[in-house]
Amino acid sequence: MRVMSSPLDAVLGRLDQARRILLVMHASPDGDSAGSALALGLALRRQGRVVDWASWDAVPDRLSFLPSAAEVISWDEARGRAYDCVVAVDCGGPTRLAAPDDFWDANRPLINIDHHRANPGFGTINWVDADASSTGEMIVRLFRRAGWPVDAPQALCLWTAMSTDTLSFRQVNTTLDTLEAAHWLVREAGLNLAEANRLVWDTRTLGEIRFLGWALTQ
């Protein structure tokens, strides 16, 4: 039996009890929300859990390289399925989920994992750390507290989460904890940094390239 000594331990305790889990990204998922949710879901699947990911919008094309990004389902698909637990990932408030009204009526256990200071604590269990650079950094901490191994696909998701929310570790929110979390991903998973950074920062969709060309001519 896990001793509930912190919000993180409470999250792990609830996840231990759940067999069917829905992980929810915020509307218009960014690198942190998508990367954090995908990494957590892949780890739970490896433990034999049934995991779905849902979002109001699909993961954008620029993040389509993320493992299992194509598996994210809509709210309409998720609302007809039974879950033991729902995890909101990187959602600063309940409206960011853009969930249908009957989602709230179902009264399922809701875990809220987020790093935004204004998060009102809308979950059954709330793990909110405004000092973290990103939700991805928090998920790395969760992996380490739980003793879960991290593989290359999960590491790519978490690197994307942290890198995008810190603008490649250049923002003031980058701390020693952030850099140590990144180091752990490289050390434990053998993450190829050159390839990861190419995917995150050097890959653009045709639409983005056309927009850039238009902007440069104005």
C-alpha atoms as a PDB file:
ATOM      1  CA  MET A   1       0.000   0.000   0.000  1.00  0.00           C
ATOM      2  CA  ARG A   2       1.429   3.389  -1.043  1.00  0.00           C
ATOM      3  CA  VAL A   3       1.671   6.041   1.671  1.00  0.00           C
ATOM      4  CA  MET A   4      -0.105   9.196   0.464  1.00  0.00           C
ATOM      5  CA  SER A   5       2.485  11.735   1.525  1.00  0.00           C
ATOM      6  CA  SER A   6       2.212  14.180  -1.386  1.00  0.00           C
ATOM      7  CA  PRO A   7      -0.005  15.049  -4.368  1.00  0.00           C
ATOM      8  CA  LEU A   8       2.360  13.053  -6.574  1.00  0.00           C
ATOM      9  CA  ASP A   9       1.959   9.980  -4.377  1.00  0.00           C
ATOM     10  CA  ALA A  10      -1.824  10.484  -4.450  1.00  0.00           C
ATOM     11  CA  VAL A  11      -1.697  10.516  -8.264  1.00  0.00           C
ATOM     12  CA  LEU A  12       0.318   7.296  -8.333  1.00  0.00           C
ATOM     13  CA  GLY A  13      -2.037   5.687  -5.824  1.00  0.00           C
ATOM     14  CA  ARG A  14      -5.069   6.469  -7.973  1.00  0.00           C
ATOM     15  CA  LEU A  15      -3.340   5.266 -11.138  1.00  0.00           C
ATOM     16  CA  ASP A  16      -2.418   2.017  -9.362  1.00  0.00           C
ATOM     17  CA  GLN A  17      -6.129   1.336  -8.874  1.00  0.00           C
ATOM     18  CA  ALA A  18      -7.254   2.125 -12.425  1.00  0.00           C
ATOM     19  CA  ARG A  19      -7.399  -0.356 -15.276  1.00  0.00           C
ATOM     20  CA  ARG A  20      -9.074   1.792 -17.960  1.00  0.00           C
ATOM     21  CA  ILE A  21      -7.717   5.333 -18.141  1.00  0.00           C
ATOM     22  CA  LEU A  22      -8.565   8.349 -20.286  1.00  0.00           C
ATOM     23  CA  LEU A  23      -5.805  10.946 -20.698  1.00  0.00           C
ATOM     24  CA  VAL A  24      -7.063  14.343 -21.813  1.00  0.00           C
ATOM     25  CA  MET A  25      -5.030  17.028 -23.578  1.00  0.00           C
ATOM     26  CA  HIS A  26      -6.182  20.626 -23.709  1.00  0.00           C
ATOM     27  CA  ALA A  27      -7.865  22.022 -26.813  1.00  0.00           C
ATOM     28  CA  SER A  28      -5.357  22.796 -29.590  1.00  0.00           C
ATOM     29  CA  PRO A  29      -2.703  20.564 -28.004  1.00  0.00           C
ATOM     30  CA  ASP A  30       0.810  21.975 -27.831  1.00  0.00           C
ATOM     31  CA  GLY A  31       4.062  20.108 -27.315  1.00  0.00           C
ATOM     32  CA  ASP A  32       3.741  20.025 -23.543  1.00  0.00           C
ATOM     33  CA  SER A  33       0.165  18.780 -23.347  1.00  0.00           C
ATOM     34  CA  ALA A  34       0.530  16.244 -26.165  1.00  0.00           C
ATOM     35  CA  GLY A  35       4.008  15.070 -25.214  1.00  0.00           C
ATOM     36  CA  SER A  36       3.215  14.691 -21.517  1.00  0.00           C
ATOM     37  CA  ALA A  37      -0.052  12.832 -22.087  1.00  0.00           C
ATOM     38  CA  LEU A  38       1.405  10.510 -24.714  1.00  0.00           C
ATOM     39  CA  ALA A  39       4.431   9.622 -22.581  1.00  0.00           C
ATOM     40  CA  LEU A  40       2.280   8.888 -19.533  1.00  0.00           C
ATOM     41  CA  GLY A  41      -0.170   6.816 -21.558  1.00  0.00           C
ATOM     42  CA  LEU A  42       2.566   4.763 -23.208  1.00  0.00           C
ATOM     43  CA  ALA A  43       4.033   3.968 -19.793  1.00  0.00           C
ATOM     44  CA  LEU A  44       0.631   2.900 -18.455  1.00  0.00           C
ATOM     45  CA  ARG A  45       0.003   0.732 -21.514  1.00  0.00           C
ATOM     46  CA  ARG A  46       3.299  -1.034 -20.901  1.00  0.00           C
ATOM     47  CA  GLN A  47       1.882  -1.987 -17.485  1.00  0.00           C
ATOM     48  CA  GLY A  48      -1.142  -3.583 -19.126  1.00  0.00           C
ATOM     49  CA  ARG A  49      -3.637  -0.753 -18.658  1.00  0.00           C
ATOM     50  CA  VAL A  50      -6.211   0.155 -21.280  1.00  0.00           C
ATOM     51  CA  VAL A  51      -5.434   3.756 -22.254  1.00  0.00           C
ATOM     52  CA  ASP A  52      -7.111   6.261 -24.553  1.00  0.00           C
ATOM     53  CA  TRP A  53      -6.096   9.825 -25.312  1.00  0.00           C
ATOM     54  CA  ALA A  54      -8.712  12.470 -26.092  1.00  0.00           C
ATOM     55  CA  SER A  55      -8.718  16.103 -27.156  1.00  0.00           C
ATOM     56  CA  TRP A  56     -11.147  18.581 -28.629  1.00  0.00           C
ATOM     57  CA  ASP A  57      -8.693  18.939 -31.520  1.00  0.00           C
ATOM     58  CA  ALA A  58      -6.348  16.461 -33.153  1.00  0.00           C
ATOM     59  CA  VAL A  59      -2.629  16.728 -32.423  1.00  0.00           C
ATOM     60  CA  PRO A  60      -1.357  19.295 -34.965  1.00  0.00           C
ATOM     61  CA  ASP A  61       0.659  18.163 -37.965  1.00  0.00           C
ATOM     62  CA  ARG A  62       3.846  19.742 -36.647  1.00  0.00           C
ATOM     63  CA  LEU A  63       3.702  17.276 -33.724  1.00  0.00           C
ATOM     64  CA  SER A  64       2.646  14.251 -35.763  1.00  0.00           C
ATOM     65  CA  PHE A  65       6.078  12.688 -35.182  1.00  0.00           C
ATOM     66  CA  LEU A  66       5.145  12.001 -31.562  1.00  0.00           C
ATOM     67  CA  PRO A  67       4.551   8.281 -30.918  1.00  0.00           C
ATOM     68  CA  SER A  68       0.826   7.407 -30.857  1.00  0.00           C
ATOM     69  CA  ALA A  69      -0.199  10.965 -31.829  1.00  0.00           C
ATOM     70  CA  ALA A  70      -2.491   9.502 -34.496  1.00  0.00           C
ATOM     71  CA  GLU A  71      -4.365   7.528 -31.815  1.00  0.00           C
ATOM     72  CA  VAL A  72      -5.831  10.602 -30.098  1.00  0.00           C
ATOM     73  CA  ILE A  73      -9.623  10.391 -30.266  1.00  0.00           C
ATOM     74  CA  SER A  74     -12.360  13.000 -30.128  1.00  0.00           C
ATOM     75  CA  TRP A  75     -14.671  13.660 -27.197  1.00  0.00           C
ATOM     76  CA  ASP A  76     -17.510  12.068 -29.173  1.00  0.00           C
ATOM     77  CA  GLU A  77     -15.534   8.822 -29.351  1.00  0.00           C
ATOM     78  CA  ALA A  78     -14.441   8.950 -25.714  1.00  0.00           C
ATOM     79  CA  ARG A  79     -17.842   9.748 -24.222  1.00  0.00           C
ATOM     80  CA  GLY A  80     -19.239   6.309 -25.101  1.00  0.00           C
ATOM     81  CA  ARG A  81     -16.453   4.380 -23.352  1.00  0.00           C
ATOM     82  CA  ALA A  82     -16.119   3.376 -19.711  1.00  0.00           C
ATOM     83  CA  TYR A  83     -13.116   4.585 -17.720  1.00  0.00           C
ATOM     84  CA  ASP A  84     -12.012   4.094 -14.132  1.00  0.00           C
ATOM     85  CA  CYS A  85     -10.118   7.354 -14.101  1.00  0.00           C
ATOM     86  CA  VAL A  86      -9.548  10.484 -16.190  1.00  0.00           C
ATOM     87  CA  VAL A  87      -6.272  12.431 -16.196  1.00  0.00           C
ATOM     88  CA  ALA A  88      -6.224  16.058 -17.371  1.00  0.00           C
ATOM     89  CA  VAL A  89      -2.703  16.862 -18.558  1.00  0.00           C
ATOM     90  CA  ASP A  90      -1.412  20.452 -18.796  1.00  0.00           C
ATOM     91  CA  CYS A  91      -4.927  21.922 -18.601  1.00  0.00           C
ATOM     92  CA  GLY A  92      -4.811  25.238 -16.740  1.00  0.00           C
ATOM     93  CA  GLY A  93      -8.547  25.148 -15.985  1.00  0.00           C
ATOM     94  CA  PRO A  94     -11.614  22.989 -16.633  1.00  0.00           C
ATOM     95  CA  THR A  95     -12.657  24.974 -19.703  1.00  0.00           C
ATOM     96  CA  ARG A  96      -9.331  24.097 -21.387  1.00  0.00           C
ATOM     97  CA  LEU A  97     -10.550  20.503 -21.666  1.00  0.00           C
ATOM     98  CA  ALA A  98     -13.473  21.668 -23.835  1.00  0.00           C
ATOM     99  CA  ALA A  99     -15.291  18.608 -22.514  1.00  0.00           C
ATOM    100  CA  PRO A 100     -19.020  18.022 -23.130  1.00  0.00           C
ATOM    101  CA  ASP A 101     -21.362  18.635 -20.206  1.00  0.00           C
ATOM    102  CA  ASP A 102     -22.088  14.943 -19.701  1.00  0.00           C
ATOM    103  CA  PHE A 103     -18.386  14.352 -19.042  1.00  0.00           C
ATOM    104  CA  TRP A 104     -18.728  16.250 -15.768  1.00  0.00           C
ATOM    105  CA  ASP A 105     -22.027  14.508 -14.986  1.00  0.00           C
ATOM    106  CA  ALA A 106     -20.293  11.101 -15.029  1.00  0.00           C
ATOM    107  CA  ASN A 107     -18.533  11.982 -11.759  1.00  0.00           C
ATOM    108  CA  ARG A 108     -15.416   9.910 -12.475  1.00  0.00           C
ATOM    109  CA  PRO A 109     -12.203  10.335 -10.470  1.00  0.00           C
ATOM    110  CA  LEU A 110     -10.303  13.157 -12.162  1.00  0.00           C
ATOM    111  CA  ILE A 111      -6.558  13.657 -11.772  1.00  0.00           C
ATOM    112  CA  ASN A 112      -5.358  17.164 -12.590  1.00  0.00           C
ATOM    113  CA  ILE A 113      -1.618  17.357 -13.477  1.00  0.00           C
ATOM    114  CA  ASP A 114      -0.488  20.840 -14.431  1.00  0.00           C
ATOM    115  CA  HIS A 115       2.137  23.564 -13.954  1.00  0.00           C
ATOM    116  CA  HIS A 116       0.080  26.722 -14.524  1.00  0.00           C
ATOM    117  CA  ARG A 117      -0.045  29.007 -11.495  1.00  0.00           C
ATOM    118  CA  ALA A 118      -3.678  29.996 -12.046  1.00  0.00           C
ATOM    119  CA  ASN A 119      -4.934  26.395 -12.083  1.00  0.00           C
ATOM    120  CA  PRO A 120      -7.955  26.365  -9.723  1.00  0.00           C
ATOM    121  CA  GLY A 121      -7.558  22.730  -8.661  1.00  0.00           C
ATOM    122  CA  PHE A 122     -10.567  21.303 -10.487  1.00  0.00           C
ATOM    123  CA  GLY A 123      -9.715  17.622 -10.056  1.00  0.00           C
ATOM    124  CA  THR A 124     -10.481  14.981  -7.480  1.00  0.00           C
ATOM    125  CA  ILE A 125      -6.706  14.848  -7.057  1.00  0.00           C
ATOM    126  CA  ASN A 126      -4.704  17.954  -7.936  1.00  0.00           C
ATOM    127  CA  TRP A 127      -0.975  17.922  -8.553  1.00  0.00           C
ATOM    128  CA  VAL A 128      -0.136  21.464  -9.605  1.00  0.00           C
ATOM    129  CA  ASP A 129       3.448  22.710  -9.474  1.00  0.00           C
ATOM    130  CA  ALA A 130       3.849  26.284 -10.689  1.00  0.00           C
ATOM    131  CA  ASP A 131       7.614  26.074 -10.178  1.00  0.00           C
ATOM    132  CA  ALA A 132       7.971  23.365 -12.827  1.00  0.00           C
ATOM    133  CA  SER A 133       9.010  24.510 -16.300  1.00  0.00           C
ATOM    134  CA  SER A 134       6.416  22.292 -17.922  1.00  0.00           C
ATOM    135  CA  THR A 135       4.052  19.447 -17.262  1.00  0.00           C
ATOM    136  CA  GLY A 136       6.614  17.280 -19.053  1.00  0.00           C
ATOM    137  CA  GLU A 137       9.109  17.979 -16.278  1.00  0.00           C
ATOM    138  CA  MET A 138       6.482  16.851 -13.758  1.00  0.00           C
ATOM    139  CA  ILE A 139       5.846  13.624 -15.681  1.00  0.00           C
ATOM    140  CA  VAL A 140       9.582  12.882 -15.608  1.00  0.00           C
ATOM    141  CA  ARG A 141       9.368  13.276 -11.818  1.00  0.00           C
ATOM    142  CA  LEU A 142       6.392  10.895 -11.786  1.00  0.00           C
ATOM    143  CA  PHE A 143       8.335   8.274 -13.764  1.00  0.00           C
ATOM    144  CA  ARG A 144      11.236   8.531 -11.349  1.00  0.00           C
ATOM    145  CA  ARG A 145       9.122   8.413  -8.191  1.00  0.00           C
ATOM    146  CA  ALA A 146       7.262   5.356  -9.503  1.00  0.00           C
ATOM    147  CA  GLY A 147      10.473   3.641 -10.594  1.00  0.00           C
ATOM    148  CA  TRP A 148       9.220   3.271 -14.160  1.00  0.00           C
ATOM    149  CA  PRO A 149      11.826   2.789 -16.884  1.00  0.00           C
ATOM    150  CA  VAL A 150      11.706   5.242 -19.784  1.00  0.00           C
ATOM    151  CA  ASP A 151      12.208   4.147 -23.383  1.00  0.00           C
ATOM    152  CA  ALA A 152      13.102   6.171 -26.469  1.00  0.00           C
ATOM    153  CA  PRO A 153       9.516   6.888 -27.656  1.00  0.00           C
ATOM    154  CA  GLN A 154       8.491   8.109 -24.196  1.00  0.00           C
ATOM    155  CA  ALA A 155      11.684  10.150 -23.898  1.00  0.00           C
ATOM    156  CA  LEU A 156      10.997  11.839 -27.242  1.00  0.00           C
ATOM    157  CA  CYS A 157       7.525  12.810 -26.001  1.00  0.00           C
ATOM    158  CA  LEU A 158       8.874  14.224 -22.743  1.00  0.00           C
ATOM    159  CA  TRP A 159      11.784  16.018 -24.414  1.00  0.00           C
ATOM    160  CA  THR A 160       9.269  17.654 -26.766  1.00  0.00           C
ATOM    161  CA  ALA A 161       7.127  18.706 -23.796  1.00  0.00           C
ATOM    162  CA  MET A 162      10.004  20.347 -21.946  1.00  0.00           C
ATOM    163  CA  SER A 163      11.771  21.771 -24.975  1.00  0.00           C
ATOM    164  CA  THR A 164       8.708  23.495 -26.417  1.00  0.00           C
ATOM    165  CA  ASP A 165       7.618  25.016 -23.094  1.00  0.00           C
ATOM    166  CA  THR A 166      11.104  26.421 -22.445  1.00  0.00           C
ATOM    167  CA  LEU A 167      11.871  27.406 -26.067  1.00  0.00           C
ATOM    168  CA  SER A 168      14.681  24.878 -26.220  1.00  0.00           C
ATOM    169  CA  PHE A 169      15.741  25.525 -22.612  1.00  0.00           C
ATOM    170  CA  ARG A 170      16.304  29.245 -23.216  1.00  0.00           C
ATOM    171  CA  GLN A 171      13.493  30.722 -21.115  1.00  0.00           C
ATOM    172  CA  VAL A 172      13.698  31.885 -17.515  1.00  0.00           C
ATOM    173  CA  ASN A 173      11.500  28.931 -16.457  1.00  0.00           C
ATOM    174  CA  THR A 174      14.423  26.579 -17.213  1.00  0.00           C
ATOM    175  CA  THR A 175      15.899  25.493 -13.872  1.00  0.00           C
ATOM    176  CA  LEU A 176      18.464  23.010 -12.656  1.00  0.00           C
ATOM    177  CA  ASP A 177      15.561  20.591 -12.119  1.00  0.00           C
ATOM    178  CA  THR A 178      14.569  21.011 -15.769  1.00  0.00           C
ATOM    179  CA  LEU A 179      18.082  20.320 -17.006  1.00  0.00           C
ATOM    180  CA  GLU A 180      18.429  17.347 -14.662  1.00  0.00           C
ATOM    181  CA  ALA A 181      15.163  15.923 -15.998  1.00  0.00           C
ATOM    182  CA  ALA A 182      16.448  16.326 -19.568  1.00  0.00           C
ATOM    183  CA  HIS A 183      19.723  14.664 -18.594  1.00  0.00           C
ATOM    184  CA  TRP A 184      17.797  11.732 -17.116  1.00  0.00           C
ATOM    185  CA  LEU A 185      15.944  11.194 -20.404  1.00  0.00           C
ATOM    186  CA  VAL A 186      19.198  11.137 -22.363  1.00  0.00           C
ATOM    187  CA  ARG A 187      20.982   8.893 -19.869  1.00  0.00           C
ATOM    188  CA  GLU A 188      18.176   6.388 -19.306  1.00  0.00           C
ATOM    189  CA  ALA A 189      16.671   6.169 -22.802  1.00  0.00           C
ATOM    190  CA  GLY A 190      19.673   7.009 -24.969  1.00  0.00           C
ATOM    191  CA  LEU A 191      17.651   9.778 -26.589  1.00  0.00           C
ATOM    192  CA  ASN A 192      19.209  11.026 -29.833  1.00  0.00           C
ATOM    193  CA  LEU A 193      19.276  14.762 -29.183  1.00  0.00           C
ATOM    194  CA  ALA A 194      20.158  15.759 -32.749  1.00  0.00           C
ATOM    195  CA  GLU A 195      17.173  13.862 -34.124  1.00  0.00           C
ATOM    196  CA  ALA A 196      14.838  14.986 -31.335  1.00  0.00           C
ATOM    197  CA  ASN A 197      15.718  18.648 -31.871  1.00  0.00           C
ATOM    198  CA  ARG A 198      15.373  18.274 -35.637  1.00  0.00           C
ATOM    199  CA  LEU A 199      11.858  16.902 -35.194  1.00  0.00           C
ATOM    200  CA  VAL A 200      10.830  19.528 -32.654  1.00  0.00           C
ATOM    201  CA  TRP A 201      12.409  22.633 -34.169  1.00  0.00           C
ATOM    202  CA  ASP A 202      13.452  22.011 -37.775  1.00  0.00           C
ATOM    203  CA  THR A 203      10.373  20.319 -39.202  1.00  0.00           C
ATOM    204  CA  ARG A 204       7.643  22.515 -40.676  1.00  0.00           C
ATOM    205  CA  THR A 205       4.416  21.718 -42.497  1.00  0.00           C
ATOM    206  CA  LEU A 206       3.797  22.982 -46.017  1.00  0.00           C
ATOM    207  CA  GLY A 207       1.228  25.424 -44.644  1.00  0.00           C
ATOM    208  CA  GLU A 208       3.711  26.856 -42.153  1.00  0.00           C
ATOM    209  CA  ILE A 209       6.345  27.278 -44.869  1.00  0.00           C
ATOM    210  CA  ARG A 210       3.840  29.061 -47.121  1.00  0.00           C
ATOM    211  CA  PHE A 211       2.801  31.346 -44.274  1.00  0.00           C
ATOM    212  CA  LEU A 212       6.446  32.158 -43.516  1.00  0.00           C
ATOM    213  CA  GLY A 213       7.026  32.964 -47.185  1.00  0.00           C
ATOM    214  CA  TRP A 214       3.983  35.237 -47.209  1.00  0.00           C
ATOM    215  CA  ALA A 215       5.098  36.981 -43.998  1.00  0.00           C
ATOM    216  CA  LEU A 216       8.566  37.642 -45.361  1.00  0.00           C
ATOM    217  CA  THR A 217       7.140  39.397 -48.427  1.00  0.00           C
ATOM    218  CA  GLN A 218       4.922  41.810 -46.481  1.00  0.00           C
END
